[in-house]
Amino acid sequence: MAEDTSTGKGKVAPLRKTRPCPECGRPSTRESYPFCSERCRSLDLSRWLKGSYAIPVAEDESRADDENRD
């Protein structure tokens, strides 16, 4: 454990509560939080980079703008 020389106390990394992995549901690990492994972390990143996670838009944006003016 690394020691802080100014106070003489050791540095402690805070623990995060274990959560289910968003990819596979297994418990998360400290190293890959909130995922269970680097594999699941990489899968999620790949989906973000491919654009799989997107907010749907209105089919006719001009009509959506008219509705907001009311």
PDB file of N, CA and C in Angstrom:
ATOM      1  N   MET A   1       0.854  -1.180   0.000  1.00  0.00           N
ATOM      2  CA  MET A   1       0.000   0.000   0.000  1.00  0.00           C
ATOM      3  C   MET A   1       0.894   1.235   0.000  1.00  0.00           C
ATOM      4  N   ALA A   2       0.562   2.221  -0.810  1.00  0.00           N
ATOM      5  CA  ALA A   2       1.318   3.467  -0.864  1.00  0.00           C
ATOM      6  C   ALA A   2       1.030   4.283   0.380  1.00  0.00           C
ATOM      7  N   GLU A   3       2.063   4.966   0.863  1.00  0.00           N
ATOM      8  CA  GLU A   3       1.872   5.726   2.083  1.00  0.00           C
ATOM      9  C   GLU A   3       2.048   7.209   1.814  1.00  0.00           C
ATOM     10  N   ASP A   4       1.179   8.011   2.398  1.00  0.00           N
ATOM     11  CA  ASP A   4       1.240   9.460   2.280  1.00  0.00           C
ATOM     12  C   ASP A   4       2.224   9.954   3.339  1.00  0.00           C
ATOM     13  N   THR A   5       3.336  10.553   2.925  1.00  0.00           N
ATOM     14  CA  THR A   5       4.378  10.948   3.873  1.00  0.00           C
ATOM     15  C   THR A   5       3.977  12.148   4.724  1.00  0.00           C
ATOM     16  N   SER A   6       3.051  12.973   4.272  1.00  0.00           N
ATOM     17  CA  SER A   6       2.676  14.159   5.043  1.00  0.00           C
ATOM     18  C   SER A   6       1.838  13.817   6.270  1.00  0.00           C
ATOM     19  N   THR A   7       0.991  12.803   6.189  1.00  0.00           N
ATOM     20  CA  THR A   7       0.139  12.460   7.321  1.00  0.00           C
ATOM     21  C   THR A   7       0.498  11.124   7.949  1.00  0.00           C
ATOM     22  N   GLY A   8       1.275  10.298   7.225  1.00  0.00           N
ATOM     23  CA  GLY A   8       1.635   8.997   7.748  1.00  0.00           C
ATOM     24  C   GLY A   8       0.550   7.952   7.555  1.00  0.00           C
ATOM     25  N   LYS A   9      -0.536   8.320   6.880  1.00  0.00           N
ATOM     26  CA  LYS A   9      -1.635   7.382   6.651  1.00  0.00           C
ATOM     27  C   LYS A   9      -1.537   6.813   5.246  1.00  0.00           C
ATOM     28  N   GLY A  10      -1.969   5.577   5.068  1.00  0.00           N
ATOM     29  CA  GLY A  10      -1.962   4.955   3.754  1.00  0.00           C
ATOM     30  C   GLY A  10      -3.110   5.465   2.898  1.00  0.00           C
ATOM     31  N   LYS A  11      -2.886   5.486   1.586  1.00  0.00           N
ATOM     32  CA  LYS A  11      -3.949   5.887   0.652  1.00  0.00           C
ATOM     33  C   LYS A  11      -4.830   4.677   0.375  1.00  0.00           C
ATOM     34  N   VAL A  12      -6.121   4.867   0.417  1.00  0.00           N
ATOM     35  CA  VAL A  12      -7.069   3.783   0.179  1.00  0.00           C
ATOM     36  C   VAL A  12      -7.966   4.177  -0.984  1.00  0.00           C
ATOM     37  N   ALA A  13      -8.037   3.308  -1.984  1.00  0.00           N
ATOM     38  CA  ALA A  13      -8.925   3.550  -3.118  1.00  0.00           C
ATOM     39  C   ALA A  13     -10.352   3.210  -2.702  1.00  0.00           C
ATOM     40  N   PRO A  14     -11.322   4.085  -2.974  1.00  0.00           N
ATOM     41  CA  PRO A  14     -12.707   3.795  -2.600  1.00  0.00           C
ATOM     42  C   PRO A  14     -13.258   2.610  -3.381  1.00  0.00           C
ATOM     43  N   LEU A  15     -14.066   1.816  -2.724  1.00  0.00           N
ATOM     44  CA  LEU A  15     -14.695   0.664  -3.362  1.00  0.00           C
ATOM     45  C   LEU A  15     -16.036   1.063  -3.941  1.00  0.00           C
ATOM     46  N   ARG A  16     -16.369   0.505  -5.084  1.00  0.00           N
ATOM     47  CA  ARG A  16     -17.682   0.731  -5.691  1.00  0.00           C
ATOM     48  C   ARG A  16     -18.521  -0.503  -5.462  1.00  0.00           C
ATOM     49  N   LYS A  17     -19.789  -0.282  -5.286  1.00  0.00           N
ATOM     50  CA  LYS A  17     -20.703  -1.391  -5.105  1.00  0.00           C
ATOM     51  C   LYS A  17     -20.764  -2.220  -6.387  1.00  0.00           C
ATOM     52  N   THR A  18     -20.698  -3.545  -6.243  1.00  0.00           N
ATOM     53  CA  THR A  18     -20.785  -4.433  -7.397  1.00  0.00           C
ATOM     54  C   THR A  18     -22.156  -4.316  -8.028  1.00  0.00           C
ATOM     55  N   ARG A  19     -22.169  -4.180  -9.371  1.00  0.00           N
ATOM     56  CA  ARG A  19     -23.417  -4.075 -10.125  1.00  0.00           C
ATOM     57  C   ARG A  19     -23.401  -5.124 -11.214  1.00  0.00           C
ATOM     58  N   PRO A  20     -24.559  -5.472 -11.738  1.00  0.00           N
ATOM     59  CA  PRO A  20     -24.578  -6.396 -12.881  1.00  0.00           C
ATOM     60  C   PRO A  20     -23.970  -5.719 -14.112  1.00  0.00           C
ATOM     61  N   CYS A  21     -23.201  -6.471 -14.861  1.00  0.00           N
ATOM     62  CA  CYS A  21     -22.591  -5.971 -16.093  1.00  0.00           C
ATOM     63  C   CYS A  21     -23.706  -5.630 -17.084  1.00  0.00           C
ATOM     64  N   PRO A  22     -23.661  -4.453 -17.724  1.00  0.00           N
ATOM     65  CA  PRO A  22     -24.701  -4.091 -18.692  1.00  0.00           C
ATOM     66  C   PRO A  22     -24.721  -4.988 -19.936  1.00  0.00           C
ATOM     67  N   GLU A  23     -23.635  -5.691 -20.209  1.00  0.00           N
ATOM     68  CA  GLU A  23     -23.561  -6.562 -21.384  1.00  0.00           C
ATOM     69  C   GLU A  23     -24.077  -7.962 -21.108  1.00  0.00           C
ATOM     70  N   CYS A  24     -23.586  -8.592 -20.021  1.00  0.00           N
ATOM     71  CA  CYS A  24     -23.890 -10.010 -19.805  1.00  0.00           C
ATOM     72  C   CYS A  24     -24.583 -10.309 -18.478  1.00  0.00           C
ATOM     73  N   GLY A  25     -24.600  -9.351 -17.551  1.00  0.00           N
ATOM     74  CA  GLY A  25     -25.302  -9.551 -16.291  1.00  0.00           C
ATOM     75  C   GLY A  25     -24.459 -10.109 -15.160  1.00  0.00           C
ATOM     76  N   ARG A  26     -23.208 -10.504 -15.439  1.00  0.00           N
ATOM     77  CA  ARG A  26     -22.338 -10.989 -14.361  1.00  0.00           C
ATOM     78  C   ARG A  26     -21.923  -9.825 -13.475  1.00  0.00           C
ATOM     79  N   PRO A  27     -21.476 -10.095 -12.244  1.00  0.00           N
ATOM     80  CA  PRO A  27     -21.052  -9.002 -11.351  1.00  0.00           C
ATOM     81  C   PRO A  27     -19.870  -8.223 -11.926  1.00  0.00           C
ATOM     82  N   SER A  28     -19.887  -6.918 -11.753  1.00  0.00           N
ATOM     83  CA  SER A  28     -18.810  -6.066 -12.262  1.00  0.00           C
ATOM     84  C   SER A  28     -17.530  -6.276 -11.455  1.00  0.00           C
ATOM     85  N   THR A  29     -16.402  -5.921 -12.077  1.00  0.00           N
ATOM     86  CA  THR A  29     -15.117  -6.001 -11.392  1.00  0.00           C
ATOM     87  C   THR A  29     -14.583  -4.599 -11.174  1.00  0.00           C
ATOM     88  N   ARG A  30     -13.673  -4.477 -10.255  1.00  0.00           N
ATOM     89  CA  ARG A  30     -13.094  -3.183  -9.931  1.00  0.00           C
ATOM     90  C   ARG A  30     -12.300  -2.619 -11.113  1.00  0.00           C
ATOM     91  N   GLU A  31     -11.597  -3.489 -11.838  1.00  0.00           N
ATOM     92  CA  GLU A  31     -10.751  -3.049 -12.941  1.00  0.00           C
ATOM     93  C   GLU A  31     -11.543  -2.596 -14.164  1.00  0.00           C
ATOM     94  N   SER A  32     -12.719  -3.161 -14.390  1.00  0.00           N
ATOM     95  CA  SER A  32     -13.490  -2.863 -15.602  1.00  0.00           C
ATOM     96  C   SER A  32     -14.840  -2.222 -15.306  1.00  0.00           C
ATOM     97  N   TYR A  33     -15.022  -1.665 -14.134  1.00  0.00           N
ATOM     98  CA  TYR A  33     -16.302  -1.122 -13.698  1.00  0.00           C
ATOM     99  C   TYR A  33     -16.919  -0.216 -14.747  1.00  0.00           C
ATOM    100  N   PRO A  34     -18.176  -0.292 -15.059  1.00  0.00           N
ATOM    101  CA  PRO A  34     -19.237  -1.132 -14.501  1.00  0.00           C
ATOM    102  C   PRO A  34     -19.373  -2.469 -15.201  1.00  0.00           C
ATOM    103  N   PHE A  35     -18.392  -2.857 -16.010  1.00  0.00           N
ATOM    104  CA  PHE A  35     -18.439  -4.121 -16.735  1.00  0.00           C
ATOM    105  C   PHE A  35     -17.738  -5.213 -15.934  1.00  0.00           C
ATOM    106  N   CYS A  36     -17.915  -6.472 -16.365  1.00  0.00           N
ATOM    107  CA  CYS A  36     -17.302  -7.597 -15.665  1.00  0.00           C
ATOM    108  C   CYS A  36     -15.926  -7.926 -16.217  1.00  0.00           C
ATOM    109  N   SER A  37     -15.631  -7.475 -17.446  1.00  0.00           N
ATOM    110  CA  SER A  37     -14.357  -7.810 -18.071  1.00  0.00           C
ATOM    111  C   SER A  37     -14.036  -6.795 -19.160  1.00  0.00           C
ATOM    112  N   GLU A  38     -12.797  -6.845 -19.639  1.00  0.00           N
ATOM    113  CA  GLU A  38     -12.397  -5.988 -20.749  1.00  0.00           C
ATOM    114  C   GLU A  38     -13.160  -6.352 -22.021  1.00  0.00           C
ATOM    115  N   ARG A  39     -13.524  -7.623 -22.159  1.00  0.00           N
ATOM    116  CA  ARG A  39     -14.292  -8.053 -23.332  1.00  0.00           C
ATOM    117  C   ARG A  39     -15.623  -7.313 -23.390  1.00  0.00           C
ATOM    118  N   CYS A  40     -16.361  -7.307 -22.287  1.00  0.00           N
ATOM    119  CA  CYS A  40     -17.662  -6.622 -22.275  1.00  0.00           C
ATOM    120  C   CYS A  40     -17.483  -5.112 -22.449  1.00  0.00           C
ATOM    121  N   ARG A  41     -16.437  -4.556 -21.880  1.00  0.00           N
ATOM    122  CA  ARG A  41     -16.157  -3.126 -22.026  1.00  0.00           C
ATOM    123  C   ARG A  41     -15.896  -2.796 -23.496  1.00  0.00           C
ATOM    124  N   SER A  42     -15.116  -3.650 -24.179  1.00  0.00           N
ATOM    125  CA  SER A  42     -14.801  -3.437 -25.595  1.00  0.00           C
ATOM    126  C   SER A  42     -16.034  -3.597 -26.480  1.00  0.00           C
ATOM    127  N   LEU A  43     -16.905  -4.546 -26.165  1.00  0.00           N
ATOM    128  CA  LEU A  43     -18.141  -4.720 -26.934  1.00  0.00           C
ATOM    129  C   LEU A  43     -19.002  -3.463 -26.863  1.00  0.00           C
ATOM    130  N   ASP A  44     -19.127  -2.891 -25.672  1.00  0.00           N
ATOM    131  CA  ASP A  44     -19.928  -1.688 -25.496  1.00  0.00           C
ATOM    132  C   ASP A  44     -19.312  -0.513 -26.264  1.00  0.00           C
ATOM    133  N   LEU A  45     -17.996  -0.361 -26.163  1.00  0.00           N
ATOM    134  CA  LEU A  45     -17.321   0.716 -26.886  1.00  0.00           C
ATOM    135  C   LEU A  45     -17.512   0.556 -28.389  1.00  0.00           C
ATOM    136  N   SER A  46     -17.427  -0.663 -28.868  1.00  0.00           N
ATOM    137  CA  SER A  46     -17.624  -0.932 -30.292  1.00  0.00           C
ATOM    138  C   SER A  46     -19.021  -0.500 -30.743  1.00  0.00           C
ATOM    139  N   ARG A  47     -20.022  -0.774 -29.931  1.00  0.00           N
ATOM    140  CA  ARG A  47     -21.392  -0.357 -30.291  1.00  0.00           C
ATOM    141  C   ARG A  47     -21.505   1.154 -30.348  1.00  0.00           C
ATOM    142  N   TRP A  48     -20.859   1.856 -29.405  1.00  0.00           N
ATOM    143  CA  TRP A  48     -20.888   3.322 -29.431  1.00  0.00           C
ATOM    144  C   TRP A  48     -20.225   3.847 -30.696  1.00  0.00           C
ATOM    145  N   LEU A  49     -19.071   3.277 -31.051  1.00  0.00           N
ATOM    146  CA  LEU A  49     -18.332   3.768 -32.217  1.00  0.00           C
ATOM    147  C   LEU A  49     -19.045   3.475 -33.532  1.00  0.00           C
ATOM    148  N   LYS A  50     -19.793   2.377 -33.602  1.00  0.00           N
ATOM    149  CA  LYS A  50     -20.549   2.033 -34.811  1.00  0.00           C
ATOM    150  C   LYS A  50     -21.830   2.843 -34.934  1.00  0.00           C
ATOM    151  N   GLY A  51     -22.257   3.497 -33.858  1.00  0.00           N
ATOM    152  CA  GLY A  51     -23.488   4.276 -33.896  1.00  0.00           C
ATOM    153  C   GLY A  51     -24.721   3.470 -33.558  1.00  0.00           C
ATOM    154  N   SER A  52     -24.550   2.304 -32.944  1.00  0.00           N
ATOM    155  CA  SER A  52     -25.703   1.476 -32.581  1.00  0.00           C
ATOM    156  C   SER A  52     -26.558   2.135 -31.508  1.00  0.00           C
ATOM    157  N   TYR A  53     -25.916   2.920 -30.655  1.00  0.00           N
ATOM    158  CA  TYR A  53     -26.658   3.642 -29.624  1.00  0.00           C
ATOM    159  C   TYR A  53     -26.974   5.017 -30.192  1.00  0.00           C
ATOM    160  N   ALA A  54     -28.209   5.243 -30.571  1.00  0.00           N
ATOM    161  CA  ALA A  54     -28.596   6.516 -31.155  1.00  0.00           C
ATOM    162  C   ALA A  54     -29.975   6.913 -30.657  1.00  0.00           C
ATOM    163  N   ILE A  55     -30.218   8.187 -30.587  1.00  0.00           N
ATOM    164  CA  ILE A  55     -31.522   8.701 -30.186  1.00  0.00           C
ATOM    165  C   ILE A  55     -32.381   8.783 -31.440  1.00  0.00           C
ATOM    166  N   PRO A  56     -33.557   8.165 -31.432  1.00  0.00           N
ATOM    167  CA  PRO A  56     -34.410   8.217 -32.622  1.00  0.00           C
ATOM    168  C   PRO A  56     -34.893   9.641 -32.890  1.00  0.00           C
ATOM    169  N   VAL A  57     -35.021   9.975 -34.152  1.00  0.00           N
ATOM    170  CA  VAL A  57     -35.479  11.310 -34.545  1.00  0.00           C
ATOM    171  C   VAL A  57     -36.854  11.201 -35.188  1.00  0.00           C
ATOM    172  N   ALA A  58     -37.568  12.320 -35.261  1.00  0.00           N
ATOM    173  CA  ALA A  58     -38.877  12.349 -35.895  1.00  0.00           C
ATOM    174  C   ALA A  58     -38.709  12.099 -37.389  1.00  0.00           C
ATOM    175  N   GLU A  59     -39.672  11.403 -37.987  1.00  0.00           N
ATOM    176  CA  GLU A  59     -39.600  11.098 -39.420  1.00  0.00           C
ATOM    177  C   GLU A  59     -39.619  12.368 -40.254  1.00  0.00           C
ATOM    178  N   ASP A  60     -40.481  13.312 -39.891  1.00  0.00           N
ATOM    179  CA  ASP A  60     -40.609  14.557 -40.634  1.00  0.00           C
ATOM    180  C   ASP A  60     -40.234  15.694 -39.689  1.00  0.00           C
ATOM    181  N   GLU A  61     -39.001  16.165 -39.767  1.00  0.00           N
ATOM    182  CA  GLU A  61     -38.529  17.177 -38.823  1.00  0.00           C
ATOM    183  C   GLU A  61     -39.251  18.505 -38.986  1.00  0.00           C
ATOM    184  N   SER A  62     -39.681  18.842 -40.191  1.00  0.00           N
ATOM    185  CA  SER A  62     -40.387  20.110 -40.383  1.00  0.00           C
ATOM    186  C   SER A  62     -41.719  20.087 -39.647  1.00  0.00           C
ATOM    187  N   ARG A  63     -42.385  18.937 -39.655  1.00  0.00           N
ATOM    188  CA  ARG A  63     -43.657  18.818 -38.942  1.00  0.00           C
ATOM    189  C   ARG A  63     -43.413  18.881 -37.418  1.00  0.00           C
ATOM    190  N   ALA A  64     -42.327  18.319 -36.947  1.00  0.00           N
ATOM    191  CA  ALA A  64     -42.004  18.352 -35.536  1.00  0.00           C
ATOM    192  C   ALA A  64     -41.735  19.793 -35.085  1.00  0.00           C
ATOM    193  N   ASP A  65     -41.099  20.599 -35.953  1.00  0.00           N
ATOM    194  CA  ASP A  65     -40.851  22.002 -35.621  1.00  0.00           C
ATOM    195  C   ASP A  65     -42.162  22.771 -35.516  1.00  0.00           C
ATOM    196  N   ASP A  66     -43.141  22.483 -36.402  1.00  0.00           N
ATOM    197  CA  ASP A  66     -44.434  23.156 -36.366  1.00  0.00           C
ATOM    198  C   ASP A  66     -45.171  22.833 -35.074  1.00  0.00           C
ATOM    199  N   GLU A  67     -45.060  21.612 -34.589  1.00  0.00           N
ATOM    200  CA  GLU A  67     -45.739  21.213 -33.362  1.00  0.00           C
ATOM    201  C   GLU A  67     -45.175  21.926 -32.146  1.00  0.00           C
ATOM    202  N   ASN A  68     -43.870  22.233 -32.156  1.00  0.00           N
ATOM    203  CA  ASN A  68     -43.236  22.916 -31.035  1.00  0.00           C
ATOM    204  C   ASN A  68     -43.630  24.379 -30.952  1.00  0.00           C
ATOM    205  N   ARG A  69     -44.096  24.962 -32.033  1.00  0.00           N
ATOM    206  CA  ARG A  69     -44.475  26.387 -32.038  1.00  0.00           C
ATOM    207  C   ARG A  69     -45.844  26.619 -31.427  1.00  0.00           C
ATOM    208  N   ASP A  70     -46.658  25.598 -31.281  1.00  0.00           N
ATOM    209  CA  ASP A  70     -48.024  25.776 -30.746  1.00  0.00           C
ATOM    210  C   ASP A  70     -48.021  26.182 -29.308  1.00  0.00           C
TER     211      ASP A  70
END
